[in-house]
C-alpha atoms as a PDB file:
ATOM      1  CA  MET A   1     118.974 107.032 145.725  1.00  0.00           C
ATOM      2  CA  PRO A   2     117.883 108.648 142.444  1.00  0.00           C
ATOM      3  CA  GLY A   3     114.181 108.962 141.809  1.00  0.00           C
ATOM      4  CA  LEU A   4     112.385 107.639 138.751  1.00  0.00           C
ATOM      5  CA  SER A   5     112.401 111.074 137.071  1.00  0.00           C
ATOM      6  CA  SER A   6     116.186 111.301 137.549  1.00  0.00           C
ATOM      7  CA  LEU A   7     116.635 107.937 135.858  1.00  0.00           C
ATOM      8  CA  ARG A   8     114.428 109.016 132.941  1.00  0.00           C
ATOM      9  CA  ASN A   9     116.455 112.220 132.507  1.00  0.00           C
ATOM     10  CA  LEU A  10     119.708 110.244 132.614  1.00  0.00           C
ATOM     11  CA  ARG A  11     118.477 107.823 129.948  1.00  0.00           C
ATOM     12  CA  ARG A  12     117.188 110.663 127.765  1.00  0.00           C
ATOM     13  CA  HIS A  13     120.498 112.521 128.115  1.00  0.00           C
ATOM     14  CA  ASN A  14     122.561 109.416 127.339  1.00  0.00           C
ATOM     15  CA  ARG A  15     120.471 108.839 124.220  1.00  0.00           C
ATOM     16  CA  HIS A  16     121.839 112.113 122.790  1.00  0.00           C
ATOM     17  CA  GLU A  17     125.406 111.778 124.020  1.00  0.00           C
ATOM     18  CA  ARG A  18     126.734 110.213 120.792  1.00  0.00           C
ATOM     19  CA  ALA A  19     125.018 112.812 118.591  1.00  0.00           C
ATOM     20  CA  GLY A  20     126.228 115.640 120.845  1.00  0.00           C
ATOM     21  CA  PHE A  21     129.780 114.368 120.596  1.00  0.00           C
ATOM     22  CA  ALA A  22     129.520 114.040 116.791  1.00  0.00           C
ATOM     23  CA  LEU A  23     128.184 117.592 116.484  1.00  0.00           C
ATOM     24  CA  TYR A  24     130.900 118.921 118.777  1.00  0.00           C
ATOM     25  CA  THR A  25     133.545 117.052 116.748  1.00  0.00           C
ATOM     26  CA  ALA A  26     132.229 118.736 113.582  1.00  0.00           C
ATOM     27  CA  ALA A  27     132.444 122.121 115.336  1.00  0.00           C
ATOM     28  CA  VAL A  28     136.068 121.453 116.283  1.00  0.00           C
ATOM     29  CA  ALA A  29     136.898 120.429 112.708  1.00  0.00           C
ATOM     30  CA  ALA A  30     135.306 123.617 111.350  1.00  0.00           C
ATOM     31  CA  ALA A  31     137.211 125.724 113.908  1.00  0.00           C
ATOM     32  CA  ARG A  32     140.514 124.232 112.801  1.00  0.00           C
ATOM     33  CA  ASP A  33     140.299 125.575 109.250  1.00  0.00           C
ATOM     34  CA  PRO A  34     143.630 127.332 108.559  1.00  0.00           C
ATOM     35  CA  TRP A  35     141.751 130.258 106.981  1.00  0.00           C
ATOM     36  CA  PHE A  36     140.912 131.643 110.415  1.00  0.00           C
ATOM     37  CA  TYR A  37     144.554 131.756 111.440  1.00  0.00           C
ATOM     38  CA  ALA A  38     146.171 132.687 108.123  1.00  0.00           C
ATOM     39  CA  THR A  39     143.606 135.085 106.671  1.00  0.00           C
ATOM     40  CA  LEU A  40     141.874 136.537 109.729  1.00  0.00           C
ATOM     41  CA  LEU A  41     144.942 136.326 111.926  1.00  0.00           C
ATOM     42  CA  VAL A  42     143.061 134.704 114.785  1.00  0.00           C
ATOM     43  CA  PRO A  43     145.783 134.021 117.364  1.00  0.00           C
ATOM     44  CA  ASP A  44     146.980 130.436 116.929  1.00  0.00           C
ATOM     45  CA  THR A  45     147.080 129.934 120.688  1.00  0.00           C
ATOM     46  CA  LEU A  46     145.081 127.948 123.224  1.00  0.00           C
ATOM     47  CA  ASP A  47     142.857 130.994 123.745  1.00  0.00           C
ATOM     48  CA  GLY A  48     142.406 131.600 120.014  1.00  0.00           C
ATOM     49  CA  ARG A  49     141.539 127.978 119.364  1.00  0.00           C
ATOM     50  CA  PHE A  50     139.158 127.914 122.329  1.00  0.00           C
ATOM     51  CA  ASP A  51     137.383 130.985 120.965  1.00  0.00           C
ATOM     52  CA  LEU A  52     136.840 129.430 117.547  1.00  0.00           C
ATOM     53  CA  ILE A  53     135.698 126.109 118.985  1.00  0.00           C
ATOM     54  CA  ALA A  54     133.369 127.963 121.352  1.00  0.00           C
ATOM     55  CA  LEU A  55     132.012 130.013 118.448  1.00  0.00           C
ATOM     56  CA  HIS A  56     131.188 126.930 116.378  1.00  0.00           C
ATOM     57  CA  ALA A  57     129.723 125.073 119.361  1.00  0.00           C
ATOM     58  CA  PHE A  58     127.639 128.171 120.105  1.00  0.00           C
ATOM     59  CA  LEU A  59     126.246 128.132 116.553  1.00  0.00           C
ATOM     60  CA  LEU A  60     125.033 124.572 117.085  1.00  0.00           C
ATOM     61  CA  ILE A  61     123.706 125.093 120.594  1.00  0.00           C
ATOM     62  CA  HIS A  62     121.946 128.328 119.612  1.00  0.00           C
ATOM     63  CA  ARG A  63     120.241 126.558 116.707  1.00  0.00           C
ATOM     64  CA  ILE A  64     119.254 123.437 118.634  1.00  0.00           C
ATOM     65  CA  GLN A  65     118.296 124.655 122.118  1.00  0.00           C
ATOM     66  CA  ALA A  66     115.163 126.517 121.036  1.00  0.00           C
ATOM     67  CA  SER A  67     113.965 123.615 118.886  1.00  0.00           C
ATOM     68  CA  PRO A  68     111.308 121.180 120.026  1.00  0.00           C
ATOM     69  CA  ALA A  69     112.379 117.864 121.552  1.00  0.00           C
ATOM     70  CA  PRO A  70     115.037 116.618 121.378  1.00  0.00           C
ATOM     71  CA  GLY A  71     116.456 120.132 120.985  1.00  0.00           C
ATOM     72  CA  PRO A  72     117.103 121.017 124.640  1.00  0.00           C
ATOM     73  CA  ASP A  73     118.595 117.605 125.465  1.00  0.00           C
ATOM     74  CA  LEU A  74     120.698 117.614 122.300  1.00  0.00           C
ATOM     75  CA  SER A  75     122.025 121.118 122.940  1.00  0.00           C
ATOM     76  CA  GLN A  76     122.970 120.003 126.459  1.00  0.00           C
ATOM     77  CA  ALA A  77     124.771 116.995 124.958  1.00  0.00           C
ATOM     78  CA  VAL A  78     126.830 119.299 122.693  1.00  0.00           C
ATOM     79  CA  PHE A  79     127.683 121.496 125.672  1.00  0.00           C
ATOM     80  CA  ASP A  80     128.623 118.441 127.771  1.00  0.00           C
ATOM     81  CA  ALA A  81     130.823 117.061 124.983  1.00  0.00           C
ATOM     82  CA  MET A  82     132.620 120.396 124.693  1.00  0.00           C
ATOM     83  CA  PHE A  83     133.397 120.717 128.372  1.00  0.00           C
ATOM     84  CA  SER A  84     134.320 117.058 128.739  1.00  0.00           C
ATOM     85  CA  ASP A  85     136.819 117.610 125.927  1.00  0.00           C
ATOM     86  CA  MET A  86     138.125 120.787 127.572  1.00  0.00           C
ATOM     87  CA  ASP A  87     138.593 118.891 130.837  1.00  0.00           C
ATOM     88  CA  ASN A  88     140.466 116.087 129.045  1.00  0.00           C
ATOM     89  CA  ASN A  89     142.657 118.543 127.129  1.00  0.00           C
ATOM     90  CA  LEU A  90     143.640 120.385 130.301  1.00  0.00           C
ATOM     91  CA  ARG A  91     144.609 117.101 131.939  1.00  0.00           C
ATOM     92  CA  GLU A  92     146.666 116.115 128.882  1.00  0.00           C
ATOM     93  CA  LEU A  93     148.439 119.481 129.106  1.00  0.00           C
ATOM     94  CA  GLY A  94     149.457 118.583 132.651  1.00  0.00           C
ATOM     95  CA  VAL A  95     147.098 120.843 134.572  1.00  0.00           C
ATOM     96  CA  SER A  96     146.774 119.428 138.082  1.00  0.00           C
ATOM     97  CA  ASP A  97     143.528 117.835 139.217  1.00  0.00           C
ATOM     98  CA  LEU A  98     143.023 120.629 141.729  1.00  0.00           C
ATOM     99  CA  ARG A  99     143.249 123.302 139.041  1.00  0.00           C
ATOM    100  CA  VAL A 100     141.280 121.553 136.279  1.00  0.00           C
ATOM    101  CA  GLY A 101     137.924 122.308 137.897  1.00  0.00           C
ATOM    102  CA  LYS A 102     138.751 125.991 138.285  1.00  0.00           C
ATOM    103  CA  ARG A 103     140.001 126.249 134.717  1.00  0.00           C
ATOM    104  CA  VAL A 104     136.949 124.466 133.311  1.00  0.00           C
ATOM    105  CA  ARG A 105     134.677 126.753 135.331  1.00  0.00           C
ATOM    106  CA  ALA A 106     136.497 129.797 133.935  1.00  0.00           C
ATOM    107  CA  MET A 107     136.067 128.386 130.430  1.00  0.00           C
ATOM    108  CA  TRP A 108     132.372 127.763 131.088  1.00  0.00           C
ATOM    109  CA  GLU A 109     131.945 131.355 132.268  1.00  0.00           C
ATOM    110  CA  ALA A 110     133.794 132.630 129.192  1.00  0.00           C
ATOM    111  CA  PHE A 111     131.623 130.484 126.934  1.00  0.00           C
ATOM    112  CA  HIS A 112     128.462 131.697 128.627  1.00  0.00           C
ATOM    113  CA  GLY A 113     129.454 135.352 128.266  1.00  0.00           C
ATOM    114  CA  ARG A 114     130.414 134.923 124.626  1.00  0.00           C
ATOM    115  CA  SER A 115     127.242 132.975 123.877  1.00  0.00           C
ATOM    116  CA  THR A 116     125.093 135.706 125.409  1.00  0.00           C
ATOM    117  CA  ALA A 117     126.773 138.431 123.352  1.00  0.00           C
ATOM    118  CA  TYR A 118     126.704 136.404 120.134  1.00  0.00           C
ATOM    119  CA  ALA A 119     123.061 135.378 120.617  1.00  0.00           C
ATOM    120  CA  GLN A 120     121.942 138.966 121.198  1.00  0.00           C
ATOM    121  CA  ALA A 121     123.727 140.119 118.049  1.00  0.00           C
ATOM    122  CA  LEU A 122     122.481 137.188 115.940  1.00  0.00           C
ATOM    123  CA  ASP A 123     118.907 137.480 117.159  1.00  0.00           C
ATOM    124  CA  ALA A 124     118.943 141.186 116.310  1.00  0.00           C
ATOM    125  CA  ALA A 125     120.722 140.527 112.984  1.00  0.00           C
ATOM    126  CA  ASP A 126     123.203 143.191 114.111  1.00  0.00           C
ATOM    127  CA  ARG A 127     126.423 142.631 112.168  1.00  0.00           C
ATOM    128  CA  ASN A 128     128.186 145.542 113.898  1.00  0.00           C
ATOM    129  CA  ALA A 129     127.383 144.259 117.409  1.00  0.00           C
ATOM    130  CA  LEU A 130     128.511 140.788 116.369  1.00  0.00           C
ATOM    131  CA  ALA A 131     131.784 142.134 114.943  1.00  0.00           C
ATOM    132  CA  ALA A 132     132.370 144.115 118.156  1.00  0.00           C
ATOM    133  CA  ALA A 133     131.753 141.025 120.314  1.00  0.00           C
ATOM    134  CA  LEU A 134     134.084 138.967 118.127  1.00  0.00           C
ATOM    135  CA  ALA A 135     136.800 141.648 118.308  1.00  0.00           C
ATOM    136  CA  ARG A 136     136.512 141.716 122.096  1.00  0.00           C
ATOM    137  CA  ASN A 137     136.617 137.954 122.493  1.00  0.00           C
ATOM    138  CA  VAL A 138     138.612 136.442 119.649  1.00  0.00           C
ATOM    139  CA  TRP A 139     141.294 139.101 119.392  1.00  0.00           C
ATOM    140  CA  ARG A 140     140.962 140.358 122.977  1.00  0.00           C
ATOM    141  CA  GLY A 141     140.403 143.868 121.614  1.00  0.00           C
ATOM    142  CA  GLU A 142     143.637 143.860 119.603  1.00  0.00           C
ATOM    143  CA  ASN A 143     142.247 142.945 116.215  1.00  0.00           C
ATOM    144  CA  PRO A 144     143.759 143.204 112.774  1.00  0.00           C
ATOM    145  CA  ASP A 145     141.997 145.411 110.227  1.00  0.00           C
ATOM    146  CA  ALA A 146     138.686 144.086 108.857  1.00  0.00           C
ATOM    147  CA  SER A 147     138.996 140.665 110.518  1.00  0.00           C
ATOM    148  CA  PRO A 148     136.103 141.033 112.989  1.00  0.00           C
ATOM    149  CA  GLU A 149     133.810 142.136 110.168  1.00  0.00           C
ATOM    150  CA  MET A 150     134.890 139.209 108.005  1.00  0.00           C
ATOM    151  CA  LEU A 151     134.370 136.808 110.887  1.00  0.00           C
ATOM    152  CA  ALA A 152     130.952 138.375 111.557  1.00  0.00           C
ATOM    153  CA  ASP A 153     129.993 137.723 107.917  1.00  0.00           C
ATOM    154  CA  TYR A 154     131.172 134.139 108.314  1.00  0.00           C
ATOM    155  CA  VAL A 155     129.147 133.693 111.516  1.00  0.00           C
ATOM    156  CA  LEU A 156     125.991 135.158 109.970  1.00  0.00           C
ATOM    157  CA  SER A 157     126.325 132.875 106.942  1.00  0.00           C
ATOM    158  CA  GLN A 158     127.103 129.875 109.089  1.00  0.00           C
ATOM    159  CA  ALA A 159     124.154 130.591 111.420  1.00  0.00           C
ATOM    160  CA  ALA A 160     121.810 130.756 108.418  1.00  0.00           C
ATOM    161  CA  ASN A 161     123.312 127.523 107.113  1.00  0.00           C
ATOM    162  CA  VAL A 162     122.890 125.671 110.408  1.00  0.00           C
ATOM    163  CA  ALA A 163     119.359 127.056 110.822  1.00  0.00           C
ATOM    164  CA  ILE A 164     118.107 125.304 107.681  1.00  0.00           C
ATOM    165  CA  GLN A 165     119.548 121.916 108.573  1.00  0.00           C
ATOM    166  CA  PRO A 166     116.808 119.538 109.694  1.00  0.00           C
ATOM    167  CA  LEU A 167     116.625 118.813 113.410  1.00  0.00           C
ATOM    168  CA  ALA A 168     116.295 115.114 112.560  1.00  0.00           C
ATOM    169  CA  GLU A 169     119.749 115.213 110.954  1.00  0.00           C
ATOM    170  CA  LEU A 170     121.258 117.162 113.835  1.00  0.00           C
ATOM    171  CA  ALA A 171     119.679 114.695 116.295  1.00  0.00           C
ATOM    172  CA  VAL A 172     121.755 111.895 114.794  1.00  0.00           C
ATOM    173  CA  GLY A 173     124.931 113.978 114.848  1.00  0.00           C
ATOM    174  CA  LYS A 174     124.980 115.169 111.249  1.00  0.00           C
ATOM    175  CA  VAL A 175     125.806 118.787 110.523  1.00  0.00           C
ATOM    176  CA  LEU A 176     127.389 120.419 107.526  1.00  0.00           C
ATOM    177  CA  PHE A 177     129.439 123.509 108.232  1.00  0.00           C
ATOM    178  CA  LEU A 178     130.256 125.630 105.213  1.00  0.00           C
ATOM    179  CA  THR A 179     133.906 126.275 104.496  1.00  0.00           C
ATOM    180  CA  PRO A 180     134.939 129.858 105.215  1.00  0.00           C
ATOM    181  CA  ARG A 181     135.435 130.437 101.478  1.00  0.00           C
ATOM    182  CA  ASP A 182     131.785 129.447 100.863  1.00  0.00           C
ATOM    183  CA  THR A 183     130.574 132.147 103.265  1.00  0.00           C
ATOM    184  CA  MET A 184     132.364 135.122 101.753  1.00  0.00           C
ATOM    185  CA  PRO A 185     130.491 137.458  99.394  1.00  0.00           C
END
């Protein structure tokens, strides 16, 4: 039987579920911009799309998780929405129930590794390290000319953009991602 503190945590988490889903939905919409696939030649594959969704979700989670309450709970809600969606998508693709858990765990591990590399580069304001991490992850080391640097510029601009958005707005699921064209010098 759950204790009183468990019930409080469940209620607090559920309070942010709708906002987390709305923020995640905005991240997915931003990741679907054709510019990434046509201009940067991000592979238009399941892996390529996952990487861009993960990148945009990371930008939100990175911004929110270090914020005061409800930051940690809200960042967890974005993460939960992402992996619930990944689970649902795998099932829709026909992945068997026995394999879904393993695939989601592999995706979680990939997201964690990417998030760690991106956070280190962002926190250090190191464009070169960010471009190298993006080349490794988005293009799996086989990147077209200049694309990782262009994506790094986009990420740096987008991180600055998300950083100035009020937590109160994010807490109700409102975020404004810039279009890729608005982030280019």
